[in-house]
C-alpha atoms as a PDB file:
ATOM      1  CA  UNK A   1     -12.217   6.296 -19.028  1.00  0.00           C
ATOM      2  CA  UNK A   2     -15.998   5.123 -19.094  1.00  0.00           C
ATOM      3  CA  UNK A   3     -18.295   3.426 -16.871  1.00  0.00           C
ATOM      4  CA  UNK A   4     -17.732  -0.237 -18.468  1.00  0.00           C
ATOM      5  CA  UNK A   5     -14.045   0.223 -17.726  1.00  0.00           C
ATOM      6  CA  UNK A   6     -14.614   1.390 -14.324  1.00  0.00           C
ATOM      7  CA  UNK A   7     -16.573  -1.289 -13.668  1.00  0.00           C
ATOM      8  CA  UNK A   8     -14.750  -4.028 -14.717  1.00  0.00           C
ATOM      9  CA  UNK A   9     -11.733  -2.957 -13.052  1.00  0.00           C
ATOM     10  CA  UNK A  10     -13.547  -2.781  -9.809  1.00  0.00           C
ATOM     11  CA  UNK A  11     -14.989  -6.421 -10.485  1.00  0.00           C
ATOM     12  CA  UNK A  12     -11.205  -7.423 -10.980  1.00  0.00           C
ATOM     13  CA  UNK A  13     -10.421  -5.914  -7.954  1.00  0.00           C
ATOM     14  CA  UNK A  14     -13.068  -7.895  -5.806  1.00  0.00           C
ATOM     15  CA  UNK A  15     -12.252 -11.328  -7.365  1.00  0.00           C
ATOM     16  CA  UNK A  16      -8.664 -10.947  -6.021  1.00  0.00           C
ATOM     17  CA  UNK A  17      -9.706  -9.906  -2.561  1.00  0.00           C
ATOM     18  CA  UNK A  18     -10.266 -12.467   0.185  1.00  0.00           C
ATOM     19  CA  UNK A  19     -13.906 -13.358   0.866  1.00  0.00           C
ATOM     20  CA  UNK A  20     -13.245 -13.227   4.955  1.00  0.00           C
ATOM     21  CA  UNK A  21     -11.543 -10.491   7.071  1.00  0.00           C
ATOM     22  CA  UNK A  22      -8.019 -11.205   7.983  1.00  0.00           C
ATOM     23  CA  UNK A  23      -7.473 -13.309  11.068  1.00  0.00           C
ATOM     24  CA  UNK A  24      -5.400 -11.775  13.883  1.00  0.00           C
ATOM     25  CA  UNK A  25      -2.317 -13.394  15.012  1.00  0.00           C
ATOM     26  CA  UNK A  26      -3.855 -15.485  17.857  1.00  0.00           C
ATOM     27  CA  UNK A  27      -6.568 -16.627  15.382  1.00  0.00           C
ATOM     28  CA  UNK A  28      -4.086 -18.066  12.945  1.00  0.00           C
ATOM     29  CA  UNK A  29      -2.314 -19.930  15.769  1.00  0.00           C
ATOM     30  CA  UNK A  30      -5.602 -21.296  16.971  1.00  0.00           C
ATOM     31  CA  UNK A  31      -6.641 -22.410  13.706  1.00  0.00           C
ATOM     32  CA  UNK A  32      -3.425 -24.085  12.223  1.00  0.00           C
ATOM     33  CA  UNK A  33      -0.927 -24.779  15.351  1.00  0.00           C
ATOM     34  CA  UNK A  34      -2.460 -28.319  15.195  1.00  0.00           C
ATOM     35  CA  UNK A  35      -1.488 -28.929  11.878  1.00  0.00           C
ATOM     36  CA  UNK A  36       1.886 -27.503  11.955  1.00  0.00           C
ATOM     37  CA  UNK A  37       2.792 -29.140  15.304  1.00  0.00           C
ATOM     38  CA  UNK A  38       1.601 -32.590  14.201  1.00  0.00           C
ATOM     39  CA  UNK A  39       3.684 -32.511  10.840  1.00  0.00           C
ATOM     40  CA  UNK A  40       6.859 -31.150  12.750  1.00  0.00           C
ATOM     41  CA  UNK A  41       6.502 -33.886  15.301  1.00  0.00           C
ATOM     42  CA  UNK A  42       5.906 -36.431  12.895  1.00  0.00           C
ATOM     43  CA  UNK A  43       9.045 -35.333  10.811  1.00  0.00           C
ATOM     44  CA  UNK A  44      11.485 -34.727  13.149  1.00  0.00           C
ATOM     45  CA  UNK A  45      10.520 -37.245  15.875  1.00  0.00           C
ATOM     46  CA  UNK A  46      11.464 -35.051  18.745  1.00  0.00           C
ATOM     47  CA  UNK A  47       9.333 -32.527  21.006  1.00  0.00           C
ATOM     48  CA  UNK A  48      12.309 -29.681  20.898  1.00  0.00           C
ATOM     49  CA  UNK A  49      12.714 -29.976  17.462  1.00  0.00           C
ATOM     50  CA  UNK A  50       9.154 -29.747  16.610  1.00  0.00           C
ATOM     51  CA  UNK A  51       8.506 -26.753  18.661  1.00  0.00           C
ATOM     52  CA  UNK A  52      11.539 -24.910  16.981  1.00  0.00           C
ATOM     53  CA  UNK A  53       9.809 -25.897  13.606  1.00  0.00           C
ATOM     54  CA  UNK A  54       6.596 -24.740  15.033  1.00  0.00           C
ATOM     55  CA  UNK A  55       7.900 -21.451  16.208  1.00  0.00           C
ATOM     56  CA  UNK A  56      10.127 -21.035  12.658  1.00  0.00           C
ATOM     57  CA  UNK A  57       6.707 -21.477  10.809  1.00  0.00           C
ATOM     58  CA  UNK A  58       4.866 -18.999  12.347  1.00  0.00           C
ATOM     59  CA  UNK A  59       7.754 -16.335  12.604  1.00  0.00           C
ATOM     60  CA  UNK A  60       7.520 -17.073   8.439  1.00  0.00           C
ATOM     61  CA  UNK A  61       3.920 -16.155   8.508  1.00  0.00           C
ATOM     62  CA  UNK A  62       4.529 -13.266  10.584  1.00  0.00           C
ATOM     63  CA  UNK A  63       7.329 -12.171   7.956  1.00  0.00           C
ATOM     64  CA  UNK A  64       5.164 -12.986   4.690  1.00  0.00           C
ATOM     65  CA  UNK A  65       1.627 -12.117   5.903  1.00  0.00           C
ATOM     66  CA  UNK A  66       0.176 -14.275   3.163  1.00  0.00           C
ATOM     67  CA  UNK A  67      -3.779 -13.906   2.849  1.00  0.00           C
ATOM     68  CA  UNK A  68      -5.851 -16.835   2.242  1.00  0.00           C
ATOM     69  CA  UNK A  69      -9.073 -17.167   0.422  1.00  0.00           C
ATOM     70  CA  UNK A  70     -10.074 -19.647   3.062  1.00  0.00           C
ATOM     71  CA  UNK A  71      -8.770 -22.298   5.723  1.00  0.00           C
ATOM     72  CA  UNK A  72      -7.663 -25.121   3.082  1.00  0.00           C
ATOM     73  CA  UNK A  73      -5.586 -22.505   1.290  1.00  0.00           C
ATOM     74  CA  UNK A  74      -3.985 -21.712   4.519  1.00  0.00           C
ATOM     75  CA  UNK A  75      -3.519 -25.483   5.746  1.00  0.00           C
ATOM     76  CA  UNK A  76      -1.746 -25.873   2.417  1.00  0.00           C
ATOM     77  CA  UNK A  77       0.822 -22.871   2.826  1.00  0.00           C
ATOM     78  CA  UNK A  78       1.364 -24.107   6.316  1.00  0.00           C
ATOM     79  CA  UNK A  79       2.052 -27.535   5.425  1.00  0.00           C
ATOM     80  CA  UNK A  80       4.581 -26.572   3.159  1.00  0.00           C
ATOM     81  CA  UNK A  81       6.254 -24.097   5.182  1.00  0.00           C
ATOM     82  CA  UNK A  82       6.160 -26.748   7.785  1.00  0.00           C
ATOM     83  CA  UNK A  83       7.657 -29.335   5.613  1.00  0.00           C
ATOM     84  CA  UNK A  84      10.102 -26.808   4.281  1.00  0.00           C
ATOM     85  CA  UNK A  85      11.341 -25.750   8.114  1.00  0.00           C
ATOM     86  CA  UNK A  86      11.728 -29.536   9.031  1.00  0.00           C
ATOM     87  CA  UNK A  87      13.973 -29.925   5.796  1.00  0.00           C
ATOM     88  CA  UNK A  88      16.020 -26.799   6.767  1.00  0.00           C
ATOM     89  CA  UNK A  89      16.271 -28.038  10.271  1.00  0.00           C
ATOM     90  CA  UNK A  90      17.862 -31.268   9.067  1.00  0.00           C
ATOM     91  CA  UNK A  91      20.349 -29.091   7.035  1.00  0.00           C
ATOM     92  CA  UNK A  92      21.343 -26.934   9.436  1.00  0.00           C
ATOM     93  CA  UNK A  93      22.162 -29.969  12.028  1.00  0.00           C
ATOM     94  CA  UNK A  94      23.603 -31.950   9.388  1.00  0.00           C
ATOM     95  CA  UNK A  95      21.266 -35.033  10.618  1.00  0.00           C
ATOM     96  CA  UNK A  96      21.025 -37.330   8.050  1.00  0.00           C
ATOM     97  CA  UNK A  97      21.236 -40.417   9.722  1.00  0.00           C
ATOM     98  CA  UNK A  98      17.872 -41.905  11.448  1.00  0.00           C
ATOM     99  CA  UNK A  99      17.528 -41.774  15.103  1.00  0.00           C
ATOM    100  CA  UNK A 100      14.962 -44.253  16.976  1.00  0.00           C
ATOM    101  CA  UNK A 101      11.615 -43.101  17.724  1.00  0.00           C
ATOM    102  CA  UNK A 102      12.406 -43.443  21.619  1.00  0.00           C
ATOM    103  CA  UNK A 103      14.068 -40.278  21.390  1.00  0.00           C
ATOM    104  CA  UNK A 104      10.164 -38.700  21.850  1.00  0.00           C
ATOM    105  CA  UNK A 105       9.954 -40.609  25.232  1.00  0.00           C
ATOM    106  CA  UNK A 106       8.364 -37.399  26.467  1.00  0.00           C
ATOM    107  CA  UNK A 107       5.104 -37.634  24.513  1.00  0.00           C
ATOM    108  CA  UNK A 108       2.304 -39.558  26.016  1.00  0.00           C
ATOM    109  CA  UNK A 109       0.439 -42.052  24.238  1.00  0.00           C
ATOM    110  CA  UNK A 110      -3.400 -43.033  24.631  1.00  0.00           C
ATOM    111  CA  UNK A 111      -2.293 -46.859  24.070  1.00  0.00           C
ATOM    112  CA  UNK A 112       0.423 -48.777  23.495  1.00  0.00           C
ATOM    113  CA  UNK A 113      -0.819 -49.140  19.822  1.00  0.00           C
ATOM    114  CA  UNK A 114      -0.208 -45.692  19.316  1.00  0.00           C
ATOM    115  CA  UNK A 115       3.457 -46.274  20.235  1.00  0.00           C
ATOM    116  CA  UNK A 116       3.818 -48.894  18.032  1.00  0.00           C
ATOM    117  CA  UNK A 117       2.090 -47.104  15.202  1.00  0.00           C
ATOM    118  CA  UNK A 118       4.653 -44.277  15.643  1.00  0.00           C
ATOM    119  CA  UNK A 119       7.658 -46.350  15.836  1.00  0.00           C
ATOM    120  CA  UNK A 120       6.567 -48.334  12.601  1.00  0.00           C
ATOM    121  CA  UNK A 121       5.622 -45.166  11.011  1.00  0.00           C
ATOM    122  CA  UNK A 122       9.359 -43.751  11.541  1.00  0.00           C
ATOM    123  CA  UNK A 123      10.573 -47.276   9.829  1.00  0.00           C
ATOM    124  CA  UNK A 124       8.852 -46.566   6.766  1.00  0.00           C
ATOM    125  CA  UNK A 125      10.503 -45.096   3.431  1.00  0.00           C
ATOM    126  CA  UNK A 126      10.394 -41.326   3.588  1.00  0.00           C
ATOM    127  CA  UNK A 127       8.324 -41.040   0.573  1.00  0.00           C
ATOM    128  CA  UNK A 128       5.701 -43.229   2.017  1.00  0.00           C
ATOM    129  CA  UNK A 129       5.984 -41.707   5.585  1.00  0.00           C
ATOM    130  CA  UNK A 130       5.605 -37.933   4.201  1.00  0.00           C
ATOM    131  CA  UNK A 131       2.455 -39.052   2.340  1.00  0.00           C
ATOM    132  CA  UNK A 132       0.805 -40.536   5.693  1.00  0.00           C
ATOM    133  CA  UNK A 133       2.063 -37.746   7.932  1.00  0.00           C
ATOM    134  CA  UNK A 134       0.613 -34.988   5.619  1.00  0.00           C
ATOM    135  CA  UNK A 135      -2.843 -36.664   4.903  1.00  0.00           C
ATOM    136  CA  UNK A 136      -3.554 -38.326   8.512  1.00  0.00           C
ATOM    137  CA  UNK A 137      -1.612 -35.718  10.733  1.00  0.00           C
ATOM    138  CA  UNK A 138      -1.984 -32.740   8.392  1.00  0.00           C
ATOM    139  CA  UNK A 139      -5.454 -33.426   7.135  1.00  0.00           C
ATOM    140  CA  UNK A 140      -4.737 -32.790   3.817  1.00  0.00           C
ATOM    141  CA  UNK A 141      -6.467 -33.963   0.574  1.00  0.00           C
ATOM    142  CA  UNK A 142      -4.382 -35.796  -1.811  1.00  0.00           C
ATOM    143  CA  UNK A 143      -4.506 -32.941  -4.011  1.00  0.00           C
ATOM    144  CA  UNK A 144      -3.103 -30.588  -1.373  1.00  0.00           C
ATOM    145  CA  UNK A 145      -0.632 -33.052  -0.543  1.00  0.00           C
ATOM    146  CA  UNK A 146       0.823 -33.311  -4.184  1.00  0.00           C
ATOM    147  CA  UNK A 147       1.493 -29.451  -3.780  1.00  0.00           C
ATOM    148  CA  UNK A 148       3.274 -29.694  -0.855  1.00  0.00           C
ATOM    149  CA  UNK A 149       5.340 -32.529  -2.088  1.00  0.00           C
ATOM    150  CA  UNK A 150       5.393 -31.313  -5.986  1.00  0.00           C
ATOM    151  CA  UNK A 151       4.175 -34.249  -7.414  1.00  0.00           C
ATOM    152  CA  UNK A 152       0.880 -35.416  -9.025  1.00  0.00           C
ATOM    153  CA  UNK A 153      -2.255 -36.369  -7.041  1.00  0.00           C
ATOM    154  CA  UNK A 154      -2.086 -39.512  -8.643  1.00  0.00           C
ATOM    155  CA  UNK A 155       1.556 -40.217  -7.266  1.00  0.00           C
ATOM    156  CA  UNK A 156       0.153 -39.328  -3.839  1.00  0.00           C
ATOM    157  CA  UNK A 157      -2.570 -41.943  -4.259  1.00  0.00           C
ATOM    158  CA  UNK A 158      -0.215 -44.616  -5.321  1.00  0.00           C
ATOM    159  CA  UNK A 159       2.264 -43.860  -2.394  1.00  0.00           C
ATOM    160  CA  UNK A 160      -0.610 -43.687  -0.185  1.00  0.00           C
ATOM    161  CA  UNK A 161      -1.924 -47.062  -0.883  1.00  0.00           C
ATOM    162  CA  UNK A 162       1.783 -48.438  -0.901  1.00  0.00           C
ATOM    163  CA  UNK A 163       2.390 -46.921   2.468  1.00  0.00           C
ATOM    164  CA  UNK A 164      -0.811 -48.042   3.838  1.00  0.00           C
ATOM    165  CA  UNK A 165      -0.040 -51.690   3.014  1.00  0.00           C
ATOM    166  CA  UNK A 166       3.611 -51.604   4.165  1.00  0.00           C
ATOM    167  CA  UNK A 167       2.282 -50.482   7.551  1.00  0.00           C
ATOM    168  CA  UNK A 168      -0.244 -52.818   7.559  1.00  0.00           C
ATOM    169  CA  UNK A 169       2.242 -55.421   7.148  1.00  0.00           C
ATOM    170  CA  UNK A 170       4.774 -54.116   9.763  1.00  0.00           C
ATOM    171  CA  UNK A 171       1.828 -54.061  12.146  1.00  0.00           C
ATOM    172  CA  UNK A 172       1.357 -57.757  11.844  1.00  0.00           C
END
């Protein structure tokens, strides 16, 4: 093996390594806990189910130990994992009917408008509600949301526009 091949192999190896040192479990929880819990609470509607999903997502992280290039890549992974865990929760409990958002009575709202917003969000169609949850609660971009939902970024922008219009109409 000559020096050019060795240098090329080292360059390739460096390209696939993450830029930052791996985070400790406490740091991972600190960085991603808000995103995971917000999406879980928005999707499940109850604090107990959101906590179950939260726990399952971080257990999944411990089992798989994915390595992220940056925080955004990690946020996408955690958002996908949260959405998946919420779907699994619904399947295992066989809860396909909808529940009123009053079930989240233990949640403290800063204003009555917040409670009304959460109630109306729960009344939106699933495809509109998912987009709003991922963009606003999860802090994802339209491209990242598209990856989580398995659709195109253009479809996310259209759904987001329609969801905002529907929500605005409901709140008037």
